[in-house]
Amino acid sequence: MYAALQFKYNSLEKNLREYLINVEGYSESDLLSIKAKLSSMPKFPVYVRFANEPDTDYIFTDRDASDWKQLDPKEPQRLKKVNQQ
């Protein structure tokens, strides 16, 4: 069970990192940390800290469909593609 959970965390963290860099246009240096956790709602939130806001966690979920959404209402919205629509 522990190994399966770690695999899930690693997969979410890797996928969000790739999404932020390849789709949203962030650089590796823009990202301080990406950490997935187990929760009740959503089941696997992923917390991201950006270099220009090292004390702020942004919460993302992929809703089990690789469609990343920012959950918290913090400004700025960190997903640029959402702001362009």
N, C-alpha and C. Protein backbone atom coordinates (compact mmCIF):
# COMPACT_ATOMS: atom_id res chain seq x y z
N MET A 1 0.83 -1.20 0.00
CA MET A 1 0.00 0.00 0.00
C MET A 1 0.87 1.26 0.00
N TYR A 2 1.90 1.28 0.85
CA TYR A 2 2.79 2.44 0.94
C TYR A 2 3.47 2.70 -0.41
N ALA A 3 3.94 1.63 -1.05
CA ALA A 3 4.63 1.79 -2.33
C ALA A 3 3.68 2.33 -3.40
N ALA A 4 2.44 1.85 -3.40
CA ALA A 4 1.46 2.33 -4.38
C ALA A 4 1.16 3.81 -4.16
N LEU A 5 1.07 4.21 -2.90
CA LEU A 5 0.81 5.61 -2.58
C LEU A 5 1.98 6.49 -3.00
N GLN A 6 3.19 6.05 -2.75
CA GLN A 6 4.37 6.81 -3.17
C GLN A 6 4.45 6.92 -4.69
N PHE A 7 4.09 5.85 -5.38
CA PHE A 7 4.07 5.88 -6.84
C PHE A 7 3.07 6.93 -7.33
N LYS A 8 1.88 6.97 -6.71
CA LYS A 8 0.85 7.94 -7.08
C LYS A 8 1.36 9.36 -6.84
N TYR A 9 1.96 9.62 -5.67
CA TYR A 9 2.51 10.95 -5.36
C TYR A 9 3.54 11.35 -6.40
N ASN A 10 4.49 10.47 -6.66
CA ASN A 10 5.56 10.77 -7.61
C ASN A 10 5.01 11.05 -9.00
N SER A 11 4.02 10.28 -9.41
CA SER A 11 3.41 10.47 -10.72
C SER A 11 2.71 11.82 -10.81
N LEU A 12 1.93 12.19 -9.80
CA LEU A 12 1.26 13.48 -9.79
C LEU A 12 2.25 14.64 -9.81
N GLU A 13 3.28 14.54 -8.98
CA GLU A 13 4.29 15.60 -8.91
C GLU A 13 5.01 15.76 -10.25
N LYS A 14 5.38 14.65 -10.85
CA LYS A 14 6.07 14.70 -12.15
C LYS A 14 5.17 15.28 -13.23
N ASN A 15 3.91 14.82 -13.27
CA ASN A 15 2.98 15.30 -14.29
C ASN A 15 2.68 16.79 -14.14
N LEU A 16 2.51 17.26 -12.91
CA LEU A 16 2.25 18.69 -12.72
C LEU A 16 3.48 19.51 -13.08
N ARG A 17 4.66 19.04 -12.71
CA ARG A 17 5.90 19.74 -13.08
C ARG A 17 6.00 19.87 -14.60
N GLU A 18 5.76 18.78 -15.32
CA GLU A 18 5.81 18.80 -16.78
C GLU A 18 4.75 19.74 -17.35
N TYR A 19 3.56 19.73 -16.76
CA TYR A 19 2.49 20.60 -17.23
C TYR A 19 2.86 22.07 -17.03
N LEU A 20 3.36 22.40 -15.85
CA LEU A 20 3.71 23.80 -15.57
C LEU A 20 4.83 24.30 -16.49
N ILE A 21 5.77 23.43 -16.81
CA ILE A 21 6.90 23.83 -17.66
C ILE A 21 6.50 23.81 -19.14
N ASN A 22 5.92 22.71 -19.61
CA ASN A 22 5.67 22.53 -21.04
C ASN A 22 4.42 23.23 -21.55
N VAL A 23 3.39 23.35 -20.72
CA VAL A 23 2.14 23.95 -21.17
C VAL A 23 2.01 25.39 -20.68
N GLU A 24 2.31 25.61 -19.40
CA GLU A 24 2.12 26.93 -18.81
C GLU A 24 3.30 27.87 -19.03
N GLY A 25 4.46 27.33 -19.39
CA GLY A 25 5.60 28.17 -19.71
C GLY A 25 6.48 28.58 -18.54
N TYR A 26 6.32 27.93 -17.40
CA TYR A 26 7.21 28.20 -16.27
C TYR A 26 8.55 27.53 -16.53
N SER A 27 9.60 28.04 -15.92
CA SER A 27 10.90 27.38 -16.02
C SER A 27 11.12 26.57 -14.74
N GLU A 28 12.06 25.66 -14.81
CA GLU A 28 12.40 24.85 -13.64
C GLU A 28 12.76 25.73 -12.44
N SER A 29 13.44 26.85 -12.71
CA SER A 29 13.84 27.74 -11.62
C SER A 29 12.67 28.51 -11.01
N ASP A 30 11.52 28.55 -11.69
CA ASP A 30 10.33 29.18 -11.14
C ASP A 30 9.68 28.34 -10.05
N LEU A 31 9.98 27.04 -10.03
CA LEU A 31 9.33 26.10 -9.13
C LEU A 31 10.24 25.74 -7.97
N LEU A 32 9.82 26.08 -6.75
CA LEU A 32 10.61 25.72 -5.57
C LEU A 32 10.31 24.30 -5.12
N SER A 33 9.02 23.95 -5.05
CA SER A 33 8.66 22.60 -4.62
C SER A 33 7.30 22.22 -5.16
N ILE A 34 7.14 20.91 -5.33
CA ILE A 34 5.86 20.32 -5.73
C ILE A 34 5.68 19.09 -4.87
N LYS A 35 4.59 19.06 -4.09
CA LYS A 35 4.39 17.98 -3.13
C LYS A 35 2.95 17.51 -3.14
N ALA A 36 2.72 16.24 -3.49
CA ALA A 36 1.39 15.64 -3.45
C ALA A 36 1.13 15.07 -2.07
N LYS A 37 -0.13 15.08 -1.67
CA LYS A 37 -0.52 14.54 -0.37
C LYS A 37 -1.84 13.79 -0.52
N LEU A 38 -2.17 13.02 0.50
CA LEU A 38 -3.45 12.34 0.56
C LEU A 38 -4.40 13.19 1.38
N SER A 39 -5.62 13.34 0.91
CA SER A 39 -6.60 14.20 1.57
C SER A 39 -7.98 13.58 1.35
N SER A 40 -8.99 14.21 1.92
CA SER A 40 -10.34 13.70 1.69
C SER A 40 -10.97 14.34 0.45
N MET A 41 -10.71 15.64 0.25
CA MET A 41 -11.32 16.32 -0.89
C MET A 41 -10.41 17.43 -1.37
N PRO A 42 -9.79 17.41 -2.50
CA PRO A 42 -9.72 16.26 -3.39
C PRO A 42 -8.84 15.18 -2.78
N LYS A 43 -8.91 14.03 -3.33
CA LYS A 43 -8.17 12.89 -2.76
C LYS A 43 -6.66 13.11 -2.80
N PHE A 44 -6.15 13.70 -3.88
CA PHE A 44 -4.71 13.93 -4.02
C PHE A 44 -4.42 15.37 -4.43
N PRO A 45 -4.47 16.31 -3.49
CA PRO A 45 -4.06 17.68 -3.83
C PRO A 45 -2.54 17.74 -4.01
N VAL A 46 -2.11 18.63 -4.89
CA VAL A 46 -0.67 18.82 -5.11
C VAL A 46 -0.36 20.27 -4.77
N TYR A 47 0.58 20.47 -3.85
CA TYR A 47 0.95 21.79 -3.36
C TYR A 47 2.20 22.27 -4.07
N VAL A 48 2.14 23.48 -4.60
CA VAL A 48 3.27 24.03 -5.35
C VAL A 48 3.70 25.34 -4.70
N ARG A 49 5.01 25.49 -4.56
CA ARG A 49 5.60 26.77 -4.14
C ARG A 49 6.43 27.31 -5.29
N PHE A 50 6.18 28.58 -5.60
CA PHE A 50 6.90 29.24 -6.67
C PHE A 50 8.03 30.08 -6.09
N ALA A 51 9.09 30.26 -6.85
CA ALA A 51 10.28 30.97 -6.38
C ALA A 51 9.97 32.41 -5.97
N ASN A 52 9.05 33.05 -6.66
CA ASN A 52 8.75 34.45 -6.34
C ASN A 52 7.77 34.59 -5.18
N GLU A 53 7.25 33.48 -4.67
CA GLU A 53 6.38 33.47 -3.49
C GLU A 53 6.70 32.24 -2.63
N PRO A 54 7.87 32.22 -2.02
CA PRO A 54 8.32 31.01 -1.32
C PRO A 54 7.51 30.65 -0.08
N ASP A 55 6.69 31.54 0.44
CA ASP A 55 5.90 31.25 1.63
C ASP A 55 4.45 30.94 1.32
N THR A 56 4.10 30.81 0.04
CA THR A 56 2.72 30.57 -0.36
C THR A 56 2.59 29.24 -1.07
N ASP A 57 1.66 28.41 -0.59
CA ASP A 57 1.35 27.15 -1.26
C ASP A 57 0.15 27.35 -2.17
N TYR A 58 0.26 26.90 -3.40
CA TYR A 58 -0.85 26.88 -4.34
C TYR A 58 -1.29 25.43 -4.47
N ILE A 59 -2.59 25.20 -4.47
CA ILE A 59 -3.12 23.84 -4.48
C ILE A 59 -3.72 23.54 -5.86
N PHE A 60 -3.29 22.40 -6.42
CA PHE A 60 -3.75 21.97 -7.74
C PHE A 60 -4.28 20.55 -7.67
N THR A 61 -5.15 20.21 -8.59
CA THR A 61 -5.62 18.84 -8.76
C THR A 61 -5.76 18.56 -10.24
N ASP A 62 -5.60 17.29 -10.59
CA ASP A 62 -5.78 16.90 -11.99
C ASP A 62 -7.14 16.25 -12.22
N ARG A 63 -7.91 16.08 -11.18
CA ARG A 63 -9.25 15.48 -11.26
C ARG A 63 -9.23 14.15 -11.99
N ASP A 64 -8.14 13.41 -11.82
CA ASP A 64 -7.94 12.09 -12.42
C ASP A 64 -8.06 12.09 -13.94
N ALA A 65 -7.78 13.23 -14.56
CA ALA A 65 -7.91 13.29 -16.02
C ALA A 65 -6.79 14.09 -16.68
N SER A 66 -5.72 14.36 -15.96
CA SER A 66 -4.60 15.15 -16.48
C SER A 66 -5.05 16.53 -16.96
N ASP A 67 -6.10 17.04 -16.37
CA ASP A 67 -6.62 18.37 -16.66
C ASP A 67 -6.41 19.21 -15.40
N TRP A 68 -5.26 19.83 -15.28
CA TRP A 68 -4.87 20.50 -14.05
C TRP A 68 -5.69 21.76 -13.80
N LYS A 69 -6.15 21.91 -12.55
CA LYS A 69 -6.91 23.07 -12.10
C LYS A 69 -6.31 23.58 -10.80
N GLN A 70 -6.30 24.90 -10.64
CA GLN A 70 -5.90 25.48 -9.37
C GLN A 70 -7.14 25.53 -8.49
N LEU A 71 -7.04 24.98 -7.29
CA LEU A 71 -8.20 24.89 -6.42
C LEU A 71 -8.40 26.11 -5.54
N ASP A 72 -7.33 26.63 -5.03
CA ASP A 72 -7.47 27.74 -4.09
C ASP A 72 -7.72 29.05 -4.82
N PRO A 73 -8.40 29.97 -4.18
CA PRO A 73 -8.75 31.23 -4.85
C PRO A 73 -7.66 32.29 -4.80
N LYS A 74 -6.44 31.89 -4.45
CA LYS A 74 -5.37 32.87 -4.33
C LYS A 74 -5.13 33.60 -5.65
N GLU A 75 -4.76 34.84 -5.51
CA GLU A 75 -4.32 35.62 -6.66
C GLU A 75 -2.81 35.77 -6.54
N PRO A 76 -2.06 35.69 -7.59
CA PRO A 76 -2.56 35.50 -8.96
C PRO A 76 -2.91 34.04 -9.20
N GLN A 77 -3.79 33.81 -10.12
CA GLN A 77 -4.03 32.46 -10.58
C GLN A 77 -2.77 32.04 -11.31
N ARG A 78 -2.19 30.92 -10.93
CA ARG A 78 -0.90 30.52 -11.46
C ARG A 78 -1.00 29.80 -12.81
N LEU A 79 -2.17 29.33 -13.18
CA LEU A 79 -2.32 28.69 -14.49
C LEU A 79 -2.66 29.76 -15.50
N LYS A 80 -1.71 30.06 -16.35
CA LYS A 80 -1.85 31.14 -17.31
C LYS A 80 -2.90 30.84 -18.37
N LYS A 81 -3.01 29.60 -18.80
CA LYS A 81 -3.97 29.22 -19.84
C LYS A 81 -5.40 29.51 -19.40
N VAL A 82 -5.70 29.34 -18.13
CA VAL A 82 -7.04 29.62 -17.62
C VAL A 82 -7.34 31.10 -17.72
N ASN A 83 -6.35 31.94 -17.44
CA ASN A 83 -6.54 33.40 -17.49
C ASN A 83 -6.74 33.93 -18.90
N GLN A 84 -6.28 33.21 -19.90
CA GLN A 84 -6.36 33.67 -21.27
C GLN A 84 -7.71 33.39 -21.89
N GLN A 85 -8.51 32.57 -21.26
CA GLN A 85 -9.81 32.19 -21.85
C GLN A 85 -10.88 33.18 -21.49
